[in-house]
């Protein structure tokens, strides 16, 4: 289960959300994954609170996976903290990128 899962039609913006906490951003309400981008491209994840995803064997703040998963921008997010950035509300993993294409720079 994911707070947000994108698996069709990329080019989305996930902006200014509390994913895995209550609306105050202070209490853990996590999922198995906070954001799961599964095989789509060109998404922007910006200014979110992504915390509380600490389930055994998973617990991913952000997972980007799949051969078509490319050109994502992860910008200015709080990952694994409360809304103030001073108290841990951890994930098992902050960001996991798997099976995504690698490009030369």
PDB file of N, CA and C in Angstrom:
ATOM      1  N   UNK A   1       0.843  -1.178   0.000  1.00  0.00           N
ATOM      2  CA  UNK A   1       0.000   0.000   0.000  1.00  0.00           C
ATOM      3  C   UNK A   1       0.890   1.243   0.000  1.00  0.00           C
ATOM      4  N   UNK A   2       0.478   2.248  -0.744  1.00  0.00           N
ATOM      5  CA  UNK A   2       1.225   3.500  -0.820  1.00  0.00           C
ATOM      6  C   UNK A   2       0.290   4.673  -0.565  1.00  0.00           C
ATOM      7  N   UNK A   3       0.841   5.727   0.028  1.00  0.00           N
ATOM      8  CA  UNK A   3       0.069   6.946   0.185  1.00  0.00           C
ATOM      9  C   UNK A   3      -0.323   7.505  -1.173  1.00  0.00           C
ATOM     10  N   UNK A   4       0.649   7.542  -2.096  1.00  0.00           N
ATOM     11  CA  UNK A   4       0.428   7.966  -3.480  1.00  0.00           C
ATOM     12  C   UNK A   4       1.176   6.994  -4.378  1.00  0.00           C
ATOM     13  N   UNK A   5       0.495   6.450  -5.394  1.00  0.00           N
ATOM     14  CA  UNK A   5       1.146   5.568  -6.362  1.00  0.00           C
ATOM     15  C   UNK A   5       0.850   6.068  -7.770  1.00  0.00           C
ATOM     16  N   UNK A   6       1.915   6.298  -8.529  1.00  0.00           N
ATOM     17  CA  UNK A   6       1.778   6.676  -9.931  1.00  0.00           C
ATOM     18  C   UNK A   6       2.274   5.511 -10.768  1.00  0.00           C
ATOM     19  N   UNK A   7       1.389   4.926 -11.578  1.00  0.00           N
ATOM     20  CA  UNK A   7       1.803   3.814 -12.423  1.00  0.00           C
ATOM     21  C   UNK A   7       1.317   3.959 -13.853  1.00  0.00           C
ATOM     22  N   UNK A   8       0.575   4.991 -14.153  1.00  0.00           N
ATOM     23  CA  UNK A   8       0.185   5.312 -15.523  1.00  0.00           C
ATOM     24  C   UNK A   8       0.268   6.817 -15.710  1.00  0.00           C
ATOM     25  N   UNK A   9       0.534   7.239 -16.914  1.00  0.00           N
ATOM     26  CA  UNK A   9       0.525   8.666 -17.260  1.00  0.00           C
ATOM     27  C   UNK A   9       1.382   9.516 -16.332  1.00  0.00           C
ATOM     28  N   UNK A  10       2.644   9.667 -16.656  1.00  0.00           N
ATOM     29  CA  UNK A  10       3.558  10.490 -15.872  1.00  0.00           C
ATOM     30  C   UNK A  10       3.257  11.974 -16.020  1.00  0.00           C
ATOM     31  N   UNK A  11       4.289  12.793 -15.797  1.00  0.00           N
ATOM     32  CA  UNK A  11       4.187  14.250 -15.879  1.00  0.00           C
ATOM     33  C   UNK A  11       3.208  14.811 -14.850  1.00  0.00           C
ATOM     34  N   UNK A  12       3.325  14.321 -13.621  1.00  0.00           N
ATOM     35  CA  UNK A  12       2.481  14.775 -12.510  1.00  0.00           C
ATOM     36  C   UNK A  12       3.323  15.578 -11.523  1.00  0.00           C
ATOM     37  N   UNK A  13       2.664  16.374 -10.700  1.00  0.00           N
ATOM     38  CA  UNK A  13       3.318  17.109  -9.623  1.00  0.00           C
ATOM     39  C   UNK A  13       2.686  16.688  -8.300  1.00  0.00           C
ATOM     40  N   UNK A  14       3.532  16.249  -7.367  1.00  0.00           N
ATOM     41  CA  UNK A  14       3.100  15.929  -6.003  1.00  0.00           C
ATOM     42  C   UNK A  14       3.731  17.008  -5.133  1.00  0.00           C
ATOM     43  N   UNK A  15       2.931  17.971  -4.705  1.00  0.00           N
ATOM     44  CA  UNK A  15       3.463  19.182  -4.085  1.00  0.00           C
ATOM     45  C   UNK A  15       2.727  19.496  -2.790  1.00  0.00           C
ATOM     46  N   UNK A  16       3.487  19.775  -1.731  1.00  0.00           N
ATOM     47  CA  UNK A  16       2.990  20.306  -0.457  1.00  0.00           C
ATOM     48  C   UNK A  16       1.961  19.406   0.231  1.00  0.00           C
ATOM     49  N   UNK A  17       2.300  18.133   0.382  1.00  0.00           N
ATOM     50  CA  UNK A  17       1.439  17.167   1.067  1.00  0.00           C
ATOM     51  C   UNK A  17       2.102  16.656   2.335  1.00  0.00           C
ATOM     52  N   UNK A  18       1.297  16.153   3.248  1.00  0.00           N
ATOM     53  CA  UNK A  18       1.774  15.372   4.386  1.00  0.00           C
ATOM     54  C   UNK A  18       1.441  13.927   4.067  1.00  0.00           C
ATOM     55  N   UNK A  19       2.468  13.123   3.818  1.00  0.00           N
ATOM     56  CA  UNK A  19       2.284  11.742   3.419  1.00  0.00           C
ATOM     57  C   UNK A  19       2.899  10.866   4.508  1.00  0.00           C
ATOM     58  N   UNK A  20       2.026  10.189   5.267  1.00  0.00           N
ATOM     59  CA  UNK A  20       2.478   9.326   6.346  1.00  0.00           C
ATOM     60  C   UNK A  20       2.371   9.947   7.724  1.00  0.00           C
ATOM     61  N   UNK A  21       1.821  11.147   7.801  1.00  0.00           N
ATOM     62  CA  UNK A  21       1.577  11.777   9.106  1.00  0.00           C
ATOM     63  C   UNK A  21       0.129  12.249   9.168  1.00  0.00           C
ATOM     64  N   UNK A  22      -0.281  12.671  10.346  1.00  0.00           N
ATOM     65  CA  UNK A  22      -1.590  13.303  10.470  1.00  0.00           C
ATOM     66  C   UNK A  22      -1.516  14.706   9.857  1.00  0.00           C
ATOM     67  N   UNK A  23      -2.614  15.435   9.758  1.00  0.00           N
ATOM     68  CA  UNK A  23      -2.600  16.765   9.132  1.00  0.00           C
ATOM     69  C   UNK A  23      -1.681  17.789   9.808  1.00  0.00           C
ATOM     70  N   UNK A  24      -1.377  17.582  11.095  1.00  0.00           N
ATOM     71  CA  UNK A  24      -0.482  18.523  11.772  1.00  0.00           C
ATOM     72  C   UNK A  24       0.977  18.282  11.393  1.00  0.00           C
ATOM     73  N   UNK A  25       1.272  17.104  10.851  1.00  0.00           N
ATOM     74  CA  UNK A  25       2.651  16.757  10.520  1.00  0.00           C
ATOM     75  C   UNK A  25       3.474  16.322  11.718  1.00  0.00           C
ATOM     76  N   UNK A  26       2.797  15.952  12.804  1.00  0.00           N
ATOM     77  CA  UNK A  26       3.487  15.601  14.047  1.00  0.00           C
ATOM     78  C   UNK A  26       3.289  14.146  14.481  1.00  0.00           C
ATOM     79  N   UNK A  27       2.290  13.444  13.926  1.00  0.00           N
ATOM     80  CA  UNK A  27       1.941  12.105  14.398  1.00  0.00           C
ATOM     81  C   UNK A  27       2.077  11.106  13.245  1.00  0.00           C
ATOM     82  N   UNK A  28       2.739   9.978  13.517  1.00  0.00           N
ATOM     83  CA  UNK A  28       2.967   8.911  12.542  1.00  0.00           C
ATOM     84  C   UNK A  28       1.647   8.259  12.126  1.00  0.00           C
ATOM     85  N   UNK A  29       1.389   8.257  10.824  1.00  0.00           N
ATOM     86  CA  UNK A  29       0.243   7.549  10.235  1.00  0.00           C
ATOM     87  C   UNK A  29       0.685   6.852   8.942  1.00  0.00           C
ATOM     88  N   UNK A  30       1.876   6.266   8.959  1.00  0.00           N
ATOM     89  CA  UNK A  30       2.541   5.773   7.764  1.00  0.00           C
ATOM     90  C   UNK A  30       1.891   4.612   7.045  1.00  0.00           C
ATOM     91  N   UNK A  31       2.368   4.394   5.837  1.00  0.00           N
ATOM     92  CA  UNK A  31       1.979   3.301   4.952  1.00  0.00           C
ATOM     93  C   UNK A  31       3.204   2.427   4.714  1.00  0.00           C
ATOM     94  N   UNK A  32       3.081   1.414   3.844  1.00  0.00           N
ATOM     95  CA  UNK A  32       4.261   0.651   3.427  1.00  0.00           C
ATOM     96  C   UNK A  32       5.204   1.530   2.615  1.00  0.00           C
ATOM     97  N   UNK A  33       4.643   2.385   1.772  1.00  0.00           N
ATOM     98  CA  UNK A  33       5.406   3.349   0.977  1.00  0.00           C
ATOM     99  C   UNK A  33       4.694   4.681   1.051  1.00  0.00           C
ATOM    100  N   UNK A  34       5.469   5.752   1.061  1.00  0.00           N
ATOM    101  CA  UNK A  34       4.861   7.073   1.001  1.00  0.00           C
ATOM    102  C   UNK A  34       4.446   7.403  -0.415  1.00  0.00           C
ATOM    103  N   UNK A  35       5.427   7.492  -1.317  1.00  0.00           N
ATOM    104  CA  UNK A  35       5.190   7.741  -2.735  1.00  0.00           C
ATOM    105  C   UNK A  35       5.852   6.626  -3.520  1.00  0.00           C
ATOM    106  N   UNK A  36       5.097   6.014  -4.438  1.00  0.00           N
ATOM    107  CA  UNK A  36       5.622   4.940  -5.277  1.00  0.00           C
ATOM    108  C   UNK A  36       5.405   5.330  -6.722  1.00  0.00           C
ATOM    109  N   UNK A  37       6.504   5.592  -7.419  1.00  0.00           N
ATOM    110  CA  UNK A  37       6.465   5.880  -8.852  1.00  0.00           C
ATOM    111  C   UNK A  37       6.910   4.606  -9.545  1.00  0.00           C
ATOM    112  N   UNK A  38       5.990   3.981 -10.269  1.00  0.00           N
ATOM    113  CA  UNK A  38       6.175   2.633 -10.786  1.00  0.00           C
ATOM    114  C   UNK A  38       6.131   2.642 -12.322  1.00  0.00           C
ATOM    115  N   UNK A  39       7.305   2.860 -12.940  1.00  0.00           N
ATOM    116  CA  UNK A  39       7.420   2.719 -14.381  1.00  0.00           C
ATOM    117  C   UNK A  39       6.873   3.861 -15.210  1.00  0.00           C
ATOM    118  N   UNK A  40       6.744   5.042 -14.650  1.00  0.00           N
ATOM    119  CA  UNK A  40       6.329   6.215 -15.425  1.00  0.00           C
ATOM    120  C   UNK A  40       7.407   7.281 -15.329  1.00  0.00           C
ATOM    121  N   UNK A  41       7.336   8.293 -16.180  1.00  0.00           N
ATOM    122  CA  UNK A  41       8.417   9.275 -16.235  1.00  0.00           C
ATOM    123  C   UNK A  41       7.927  10.694 -16.010  1.00  0.00           C
ATOM    124  N   UNK A  42       8.907  11.590 -15.779  1.00  0.00           N
ATOM    125  CA  UNK A  42       8.706  13.043 -15.729  1.00  0.00           C
ATOM    126  C   UNK A  42       7.767  13.520 -14.620  1.00  0.00           C
ATOM    127  N   UNK A  43       8.011  13.114 -13.385  1.00  0.00           N
ATOM    128  CA  UNK A  43       7.198  13.582 -12.263  1.00  0.00           C
ATOM    129  C   UNK A  43       8.019  14.487 -11.358  1.00  0.00           C
ATOM    130  N   UNK A  44       7.335  15.363 -10.638  1.00  0.00           N
ATOM    131  CA  UNK A  44       7.983  16.284  -9.700  1.00  0.00           C
ATOM    132  C   UNK A  44       7.411  16.045  -8.307  1.00  0.00           C
ATOM    133  N   UNK A  45       8.311  15.811  -7.336  1.00  0.00           N
ATOM    134  CA  UNK A  45       7.948  15.625  -5.928  1.00  0.00           C
ATOM    135  C   UNK A  45       8.594  16.781  -5.179  1.00  0.00           C
ATOM    136  N   UNK A  46       7.789  17.707  -4.675  1.00  0.00           N
ATOM    137  CA  UNK A  46       8.353  18.945  -4.124  1.00  0.00           C
ATOM    138  C   UNK A  46       7.607  19.418  -2.880  1.00  0.00           C
ATOM    139  N   UNK A  47       8.367  19.848  -1.892  1.00  0.00           N
ATOM    140  CA  UNK A  47       7.853  20.473  -0.658  1.00  0.00           C
ATOM    141  C   UNK A  47       6.861  19.601   0.106  1.00  0.00           C
ATOM    142  N   UNK A  48       7.111  18.298   0.160  1.00  0.00           N
ATOM    143  CA  UNK A  48       6.254  17.380   0.902  1.00  0.00           C
ATOM    144  C   UNK A  48       6.904  16.967   2.212  1.00  0.00           C
ATOM    145  N   UNK A  49       6.082  16.542   3.150  1.00  0.00           N
ATOM    146  CA  UNK A  49       6.530  15.861   4.357  1.00  0.00           C
ATOM    147  C   UNK A  49       6.253  14.379   4.125  1.00  0.00           C
ATOM    148  N   UNK A  50       7.308  13.559   4.108  1.00  0.00           N
ATOM    149  CA  UNK A  50       7.176  12.143   3.777  1.00  0.00           C
ATOM    150  C   UNK A  50       7.823  11.353   4.912  1.00  0.00           C
ATOM    151  N   UNK A  51       6.996  10.896   5.860  1.00  0.00           N
ATOM    152  CA  UNK A  51       7.521  10.302   7.087  1.00  0.00           C
ATOM    153  C   UNK A  51       6.595   9.211   7.607  1.00  0.00           C
ATOM    154  N   UNK A  52       7.152   8.347   8.479  1.00  0.00           N
ATOM    155  CA  UNK A  52       6.349   7.351   9.176  1.00  0.00           C
ATOM    156  C   UNK A  52       6.187   6.034   8.450  1.00  0.00           C
ATOM    157  N   UNK A  53       6.934   5.814   7.392  1.00  0.00           N
ATOM    158  CA  UNK A  53       6.829   4.579   6.619  1.00  0.00           C
ATOM    159  C   UNK A  53       7.918   3.628   7.106  1.00  0.00           C
ATOM    160  N   UNK A  54       7.614   2.916   8.196  1.00  0.00           N
ATOM    161  CA  UNK A  54       8.636   2.132   8.888  1.00  0.00           C
ATOM    162  C   UNK A  54       8.217   0.683   9.114  1.00  0.00           C
ATOM    163  N   UNK A  55       7.466   0.134   8.191  1.00  0.00           N
ATOM    164  CA  UNK A  55       7.037  -1.254   8.306  1.00  0.00           C
ATOM    165  C   UNK A  55       8.197  -2.199   8.056  1.00  0.00           C
ATOM    166  N   UNK A  56       8.201  -3.328   8.750  1.00  0.00           N
ATOM    167  CA  UNK A  56       9.268  -4.320   8.629  1.00  0.00           C
ATOM    168  C   UNK A  56       9.302  -4.841   7.193  1.00  0.00           C
ATOM    169  N   UNK A  57      10.494  -4.860   6.610  1.00  0.00           N
ATOM    170  CA  UNK A  57      10.674  -5.390   5.266  1.00  0.00           C
ATOM    171  C   UNK A  57      10.373  -4.408   4.160  1.00  0.00           C
ATOM    172  N   UNK A  58       9.872  -3.257   4.465  1.00  0.00           N
ATOM    173  CA  UNK A  58       9.582  -2.247   3.443  1.00  0.00           C
ATOM    174  C   UNK A  58       9.807  -0.892   4.083  1.00  0.00           C
ATOM    175  N   UNK A  59       8.804  -0.077   4.152  1.00  0.00           N
ATOM    176  CA  UNK A  59       8.923   1.209   4.810  1.00  0.00           C
ATOM    177  C   UNK A  59       9.716   2.221   4.002  1.00  0.00           C
ATOM    178  N   UNK A  60       9.243   2.501   2.808  1.00  0.00           N
ATOM    179  CA  UNK A  60       9.941   3.403   1.899  1.00  0.00           C
ATOM    180  C   UNK A  60       9.282   4.777   1.885  1.00  0.00           C
ATOM    181  N   UNK A  61      10.069   5.822   2.093  1.00  0.00           N
ATOM    182  CA  UNK A  61       9.531   7.174   1.944  1.00  0.00           C
ATOM    183  C   UNK A  61       9.134   7.424   0.504  1.00  0.00           C
ATOM    184  N   UNK A  62      10.094   7.235  -0.417  1.00  0.00           N
ATOM    185  CA  UNK A  62       9.854   7.361  -1.853  1.00  0.00           C
ATOM    186  C   UNK A  62      10.493   6.164  -2.540  1.00  0.00           C
ATOM    187  N   UNK A  63       9.734   5.503  -3.413  1.00  0.00           N
ATOM    188  CA  UNK A  63      10.302   4.449  -4.260  1.00  0.00           C
ATOM    189  C   UNK A  63      10.068   4.829  -5.715  1.00  0.00           C
ATOM    190  N   UNK A  64      11.155   4.828  -6.485  1.00  0.00           N
ATOM    191  CA  UNK A  64      11.087   5.060  -7.923  1.00  0.00           C
ATOM    192  C   UNK A  64      11.624   3.793  -8.580  1.00  0.00           C
ATOM    193  N   UNK A  65      10.778   3.114  -9.369  1.00  0.00           N
ATOM    194  CA  UNK A  65      11.187   1.833  -9.944  1.00  0.00           C
ATOM    195  C   UNK A  65      10.606   1.646 -11.334  1.00  0.00           C
ATOM    196  N   UNK A  66      11.229   0.752 -12.079  1.00  0.00           N
ATOM    197  CA  UNK A  66      10.740   0.379 -13.399  1.00  0.00           C
ATOM    198  C   UNK A  66      11.582   0.951 -14.515  1.00  0.00           C
ATOM    199  N   UNK A  67      11.660   0.220 -15.598  1.00  0.00           N
ATOM    200  CA  UNK A  67      12.535   0.569 -16.711  1.00  0.00           C
ATOM    201  C   UNK A  67      12.179   1.919 -17.342  1.00  0.00           C
ATOM    202  N   UNK A  68      10.932   2.343 -17.265  1.00  0.00           N
ATOM    203  CA  UNK A  68      10.546   3.635 -17.841  1.00  0.00           C
ATOM    204  C   UNK A  68      10.616   4.774 -16.821  1.00  0.00           C
ATOM    205  N   UNK A  69      11.054   4.490 -15.606  1.00  0.00           N
ATOM    206  CA  UNK A  69      11.077   5.504 -14.543  1.00  0.00           C
ATOM    207  C   UNK A  69      12.311   6.400 -14.707  1.00  0.00           C
ATOM    208  N   UNK A  70      12.134   7.544 -15.329  1.00  0.00           N
ATOM    209  CA  UNK A  70      13.248   8.474 -15.520  1.00  0.00           C
ATOM    210  C   UNK A  70      12.733   9.914 -15.526  1.00  0.00           C
ATOM    211  N   UNK A  71      13.681  10.837 -15.369  1.00  0.00           N
ATOM    212  CA  UNK A  71      13.412  12.281 -15.407  1.00  0.00           C
ATOM    213  C   UNK A  71      12.508  12.753 -14.265  1.00  0.00           C
ATOM    214  N   UNK A  72      12.744  12.244 -13.064  1.00  0.00           N
ATOM    215  CA  UNK A  72      11.972  12.685 -11.902  1.00  0.00           C
ATOM    216  C   UNK A  72      12.770  13.750 -11.159  1.00  0.00           C
ATOM    217  N   UNK A  73      12.063  14.695 -10.550  1.00  0.00           N
ATOM    218  CA  UNK A  73      12.691  15.730  -9.753  1.00  0.00           C
ATOM    219  C   UNK A  73      12.160  15.630  -8.329  1.00  0.00           C
ATOM    220  N   UNK A  74      13.074  15.414  -7.376  1.00  0.00           N
ATOM    221  CA  UNK A  74      12.734  15.335  -5.957  1.00  0.00           C
ATOM    222  C   UNK A  74      13.377  16.552  -5.308  1.00  0.00           C
ATOM    223  N   UNK A  75      12.542  17.529  -4.914  1.00  0.00           N
ATOM    224  CA  UNK A  75      13.020  18.859  -4.551  1.00  0.00           C
ATOM    225  C   UNK A  75      12.458  19.280  -3.188  1.00  0.00           C
ATOM    226  N   UNK A  76      13.331  19.728  -2.280  1.00  0.00           N
ATOM    227  CA  UNK A  76      12.946  20.361  -1.010  1.00  0.00           C
ATOM    228  C   UNK A  76      11.858  19.626  -0.227  1.00  0.00           C
ATOM    229  N   UNK A  77      12.027  18.326  -0.001  1.00  0.00           N
ATOM    230  CA  UNK A  77      11.091  17.553   0.810  1.00  0.00           C
ATOM    231  C   UNK A  77      11.684  17.313   2.189  1.00  0.00           C
ATOM    232  N   UNK A  78      10.834  17.142   3.184  1.00  0.00           N
ATOM    233  CA  UNK A  78      11.258  16.672   4.511  1.00  0.00           C
ATOM    234  C   UNK A  78      10.947  15.186   4.547  1.00  0.00           C
ATOM    235  N   UNK A  79      11.993  14.380   4.655  1.00  0.00           N
ATOM    236  CA  UNK A  79      11.838  12.940   4.610  1.00  0.00           C
ATOM    237  C   UNK A  79      12.340  12.359   5.929  1.00  0.00           C
ATOM    238  N   UNK A  80      11.419  11.750   6.693  1.00  0.00           N
ATOM    239  CA  UNK A  80      11.794  11.100   7.945  1.00  0.00           C
ATOM    240  C   UNK A  80      11.781  11.999   9.166  1.00  0.00           C
ATOM    241  N   UNK A  81      11.148  13.165   9.066  1.00  0.00           N
ATOM    242  CA  UNK A  81      11.048  14.067  10.222  1.00  0.00           C
ATOM    243  C   UNK A  81       9.596  14.478  10.429  1.00  0.00           C
ATOM    244  N   UNK A  82       9.351  15.219  11.518  1.00  0.00           N
ATOM    245  CA  UNK A  82       8.049  15.868  11.671  1.00  0.00           C
ATOM    246  C   UNK A  82       8.060  17.144  10.834  1.00  0.00           C
ATOM    247  N   UNK A  83       6.973  17.878  10.877  1.00  0.00           N
ATOM    248  CA  UNK A  83       6.828  19.074  10.044  1.00  0.00           C
ATOM    249  C   UNK A  83       7.865  20.152  10.393  1.00  0.00           C
ATOM    250  N   UNK A  84       8.374  20.148  11.632  1.00  0.00           N
ATOM    251  CA  UNK A  84       9.364  21.154  12.023  1.00  0.00           C
ATOM    252  C   UNK A  84      10.768  20.795  11.555  1.00  0.00           C
ATOM    253  N   UNK A  85      10.968  19.529  11.213  1.00  0.00           N
ATOM    254  CA  UNK A  85      12.298  19.069  10.811  1.00  0.00           C
ATOM    255  C   UNK A  85      13.216  18.765  11.980  1.00  0.00           C
ATOM    256  N   UNK A  86      12.683  18.783  13.205  1.00  0.00           N
ATOM    257  CA  UNK A  86      13.520  18.590  14.391  1.00  0.00           C
ATOM    258  C   UNK A  86      13.270  17.278  15.134  1.00  0.00           C
ATOM    259  N   UNK A  87      12.194  16.564  14.798  1.00  0.00           N
ATOM    260  CA  UNK A  87      11.852  15.314  15.469  1.00  0.00           C
ATOM    261  C   UNK A  87      11.749  14.210  14.418  1.00  0.00           C
ATOM    262  N   UNK A  88      12.394  13.069  14.688  1.00  0.00           N
ATOM    263  CA  UNK A  88      12.357  11.947  13.744  1.00  0.00           C
ATOM    264  C   UNK A  88      11.002  11.253  13.759  1.00  0.00           C
ATOM    265  N   UNK A  89      10.442  11.065  12.574  1.00  0.00           N
ATOM    266  CA  UNK A  89       9.320  10.153  12.335  1.00  0.00           C
ATOM    267  C   UNK A  89       9.796   9.325  11.137  1.00  0.00           C
ATOM    268  N   UNK A  90      10.633   8.351  11.427  1.00  0.00           N
ATOM    269  CA  UNK A  90      11.446   7.710  10.408  1.00  0.00           C
ATOM    270  C   UNK A  90      10.727   6.815   9.421  1.00  0.00           C
ATOM    271  N   UNK A  91      11.402   6.624   8.309  1.00  0.00           N
ATOM    272  CA  UNK A  91      11.087   5.612   7.313  1.00  0.00           C
ATOM    273  C   UNK A  91      12.196   4.567   7.425  1.00  0.00           C
ATOM    274  N   UNK A  92      11.977   3.353   6.950  1.00  0.00           N
ATOM    275  CA  UNK A  92      13.090   2.407   6.881  1.00  0.00           C
ATOM    276  C   UNK A  92      14.112   2.866   5.851  1.00  0.00           C
ATOM    277  N   UNK A  93      13.628   3.382   4.733  1.00  0.00           N
ATOM    278  CA  UNK A  93      14.484   3.938   3.686  1.00  0.00           C
ATOM    279  C   UNK A  93      13.883   5.267   3.264  1.00  0.00           C
ATOM    280  N   UNK A  94      14.716   6.276   3.091  1.00  0.00           N
ATOM    281  CA  UNK A  94      14.212   7.577   2.648  1.00  0.00           C
ATOM    282  C   UNK A  94      13.797   7.547   1.197  1.00  0.00           C
ATOM    283  N   UNK A  95      14.762   7.235   0.301  1.00  0.00           N
ATOM    284  CA  UNK A  95      14.499   7.154  -1.137  1.00  0.00           C
ATOM    285  C   UNK A  95      15.165   5.889  -1.671  1.00  0.00           C
ATOM    286  N   UNK A  96      14.407   5.096  -2.402  1.00  0.00           N
ATOM    287  CA  UNK A  96      14.941   3.896  -3.047  1.00  0.00           C
ATOM    288  C   UNK A  96      14.675   3.988  -4.543  1.00  0.00           C
ATOM    289  N   UNK A  97      15.729   3.872  -5.335  1.00  0.00           N
ATOM    290  CA  UNK A  97      15.588   3.846  -6.796  1.00  0.00           C
ATOM    291  C   UNK A  97      16.036   2.449  -7.239  1.00  0.00           C
ATOM    292  N   UNK A  98      15.134   1.718  -7.909  1.00  0.00           N
ATOM    293  CA  UNK A  98      15.460   0.359  -8.320  1.00  0.00           C
ATOM    294  C   UNK A  98      14.952   0.068  -9.725  1.00  0.00           C
ATOM    295  N   UNK A  99      15.752  -0.687 -10.468  1.00  0.00           N
ATOM    296  CA  UNK A  99      15.400  -1.111 -11.816  1.00  0.00           C
ATOM    297  C   UNK A  99      15.061   0.055 -12.746  1.00  0.00           C
ATOM    298  N   UNK A 100      15.566   1.224 -12.433  1.00  0.00           N
ATOM    299  CA  UNK A 100      15.352   2.394 -13.293  1.00  0.00           C
ATOM    300  C   UNK A 100      16.532   2.526 -14.244  1.00  0.00           C
ATOM    301  N   UNK A 101      16.333   3.115 -15.405  1.00  0.00           N
ATOM    302  CA  UNK A 101      17.421   3.222 -16.364  1.00  0.00           C
ATOM    303  C   UNK A 101      18.518   4.161 -15.872  1.00  0.00           C
ATOM    304  N   UNK A 102      19.706   3.865 -16.281  1.00  0.00           N
ATOM    305  CA  UNK A 102      20.851   4.696 -15.939  1.00  0.00           C
ATOM    306  C   UNK A 102      21.251   5.457 -17.191  1.00  0.00           C
ATOM    307  N   UNK A 103      21.485   6.757 -17.055  1.00  0.00           N
ATOM    308  CA  UNK A 103      21.873   7.568 -18.203  1.00  0.00           C
ATOM    309  C   UNK A 103      23.267   8.125 -17.999  1.00  0.00           C
ATOM    310  N   UNK A 104      23.961   8.330 -19.082  1.00  0.00           N
ATOM    311  CA  UNK A 104      25.296   8.926 -19.017  1.00  0.00           C
ATOM    312  C   UNK A 104      25.166  10.418 -18.831  1.00  0.00           C
ATOM    313  N   UNK A 105      26.107  11.000 -18.088  1.00  0.00           N
ATOM    314  CA  UNK A 105      26.058  12.455 -17.874  1.00  0.00           C
ATOM    315  C   UNK A 105      27.071  13.153 -18.739  1.00  0.00           C
TER     316      UNK A 105
END
